[in-house]
């Protein structure tokens, strides 16, 4: 993968690359958004706990495809409040590799159930 963060523009606000080029012939996995819900349908109350569950769920999808977090080229994340940005990013940074993938973080009005605070989706690629 070629990670692209041009020197002539403002550096990223957090740990992410502005672009990631996927080489020809790579396999690409598109992962649906994962919510902070446990297998027993329990939803933790904090953004950190829910974020960990999102990333653990993503890890399970990646593993099933024979991939890992090092293969993630893009993260899209959605949180329900600006108050959740720091907590989400602190957890995200535990899972992403260096160089970091491209990433977008959006604040949304809510999800399918009111207790959900975060949803994360990724795109991964590997030879």
Protein backbone atom coordinates (compact mmCIF):
# COMPACT_ATOMS: atom_id res chain seq x y z
CA UNK A 1 0.00 0.00 0.00
CA UNK A 2 1.14 3.52 -0.67
CA UNK A 3 0.09 5.99 2.03
CA UNK A 4 -0.27 9.55 0.78
CA UNK A 5 -0.14 12.68 2.93
CA UNK A 6 1.15 15.54 0.75
CA UNK A 7 3.59 17.95 2.37
CA UNK A 8 1.96 20.99 0.73
CA UNK A 9 -1.34 20.77 2.63
CA UNK A 10 -2.25 21.01 6.32
CA UNK A 11 -1.19 17.86 8.23
CA UNK A 12 -4.01 15.56 9.37
CA UNK A 13 -5.87 16.53 12.56
CA UNK A 14 -5.26 13.07 14.05
CA UNK A 15 -3.59 9.74 13.20
CA UNK A 16 -4.68 9.06 9.63
CA UNK A 17 -3.38 9.27 6.07
CA UNK A 18 -5.04 11.50 3.50
CA UNK A 19 -4.96 8.70 0.96
CA UNK A 20 -4.02 5.04 0.58
CA UNK A 21 -3.32 3.61 -2.85
CA UNK A 22 -4.23 -0.06 -3.28
CA UNK A 23 -1.87 -1.89 -5.66
CA UNK A 24 -3.32 -3.63 -8.73
CA UNK A 25 -4.34 -7.24 -8.14
CA UNK A 26 -5.12 -6.76 -4.43
CA UNK A 27 -8.10 -8.38 -2.73
CA UNK A 28 -10.49 -5.79 -1.28
CA UNK A 29 -12.80 -6.35 1.69
CA UNK A 30 -15.62 -3.90 2.41
CA UNK A 31 -16.83 -4.29 5.99
CA UNK A 32 -20.32 -3.15 6.98
CA UNK A 33 -20.64 -0.73 9.85
CA UNK A 34 -20.15 -2.39 13.22
CA UNK A 35 -21.94 -1.17 16.34
CA UNK A 36 -20.85 -1.37 19.97
CA UNK A 37 -22.98 -4.39 20.79
CA UNK A 38 -21.81 -7.67 22.34
CA UNK A 39 -22.83 -11.13 21.06
CA UNK A 40 -25.39 -11.35 23.90
CA UNK A 41 -26.99 -8.08 22.64
CA UNK A 42 -25.60 -6.07 25.59
CA UNK A 43 -24.63 -2.47 24.81
CA UNK A 44 -22.09 -0.84 27.13
CA UNK A 45 -22.78 2.72 28.24
CA UNK A 46 -19.44 4.38 27.44
CA UNK A 47 -18.04 5.43 24.10
CA UNK A 48 -14.77 3.65 24.88
CA UNK A 49 -16.42 0.29 25.60
CA UNK A 50 -18.64 0.56 22.53
CA UNK A 51 -15.66 1.55 20.37
CA UNK A 52 -13.70 -1.49 21.57
CA UNK A 53 -16.63 -3.72 20.60
CA UNK A 54 -16.82 -2.09 17.15
CA UNK A 55 -13.14 -2.79 16.54
CA UNK A 56 -13.31 -6.32 17.96
CA UNK A 57 -16.23 -7.05 15.63
CA UNK A 58 -14.25 -5.63 12.71
CA UNK A 59 -11.28 -7.74 13.75
CA UNK A 60 -13.48 -10.86 13.58
CA UNK A 61 -14.60 -9.95 10.03
CA UNK A 62 -11.00 -9.23 8.98
CA UNK A 63 -9.79 -12.53 10.48
CA UNK A 64 -12.52 -14.49 8.70
CA UNK A 65 -11.21 -13.03 5.42
CA UNK A 66 -7.57 -13.78 6.32
CA UNK A 67 -6.79 -10.10 6.91
CA UNK A 68 -5.70 -7.94 9.86
CA UNK A 69 -5.85 -4.31 10.98
CA UNK A 70 -2.57 -3.71 9.11
CA UNK A 71 -4.58 -4.31 5.91
CA UNK A 72 -7.17 -1.60 6.65
CA UNK A 73 -6.93 1.22 4.10
CA UNK A 74 -9.95 3.28 5.16
CA UNK A 75 -12.04 3.82 8.30
CA UNK A 76 -15.40 5.58 8.36
CA UNK A 77 -16.69 6.27 11.86
CA UNK A 78 -19.85 7.87 13.13
CA UNK A 79 -20.46 9.14 16.68
CA UNK A 80 -23.54 10.76 18.18
CA UNK A 81 -21.80 13.70 19.87
CA UNK A 82 -18.67 15.83 19.73
CA UNK A 83 -18.19 14.74 23.35
CA UNK A 84 -17.40 11.24 22.01
CA UNK A 85 -14.58 12.25 19.64
CA UNK A 86 -11.72 11.93 22.14
CA UNK A 87 -12.92 8.61 23.59
CA UNK A 88 -13.48 7.08 20.16
CA UNK A 89 -10.10 8.25 18.80
CA UNK A 90 -8.21 6.99 21.85
CA UNK A 91 -9.64 3.50 21.24
CA UNK A 92 -9.23 3.67 17.45
CA UNK A 93 -5.55 4.45 17.85
CA UNK A 94 -5.05 1.19 19.77
CA UNK A 95 -6.18 -0.82 16.74
CA UNK A 96 -4.78 0.98 13.70
CA UNK A 97 -1.28 0.40 12.42
CA UNK A 98 1.47 2.67 11.12
CA UNK A 99 1.26 4.20 8.69
CA UNK A 100 -2.38 4.83 9.54
CA UNK A 101 -5.24 4.30 7.08
CA UNK A 102 -7.34 7.03 5.51
CA UNK A 103 -10.13 7.99 7.91
CA UNK A 104 -13.31 10.02 8.21
CA UNK A 105 -15.17 10.74 11.46
CA UNK A 106 -18.70 12.18 11.37
CA UNK A 107 -21.15 13.30 14.02
CA UNK A 108 -24.64 11.92 13.40
CA UNK A 109 -28.01 12.32 15.08
CA UNK A 110 -28.34 8.68 16.04
CA UNK A 111 -28.54 5.01 15.07
CA UNK A 112 -31.19 2.29 14.93
CA UNK A 113 -31.27 2.03 18.74
CA UNK A 114 -30.84 5.06 21.00
CA UNK A 115 -28.18 3.42 23.21
CA UNK A 116 -25.70 3.13 20.31
CA UNK A 117 -23.05 5.87 20.43
CA UNK A 118 -20.69 4.80 17.62
CA UNK A 119 -20.55 2.83 14.38
CA UNK A 120 -17.36 1.99 12.48
CA UNK A 121 -16.87 0.57 8.99
CA UNK A 122 -13.62 -0.25 7.21
CA UNK A 123 -12.20 -1.14 3.84
CA UNK A 124 -9.20 -3.49 3.81
CA UNK A 125 -6.97 -4.70 1.00
CA UNK A 126 -4.15 -7.21 0.65
CA UNK A 127 -2.35 -9.18 -2.05
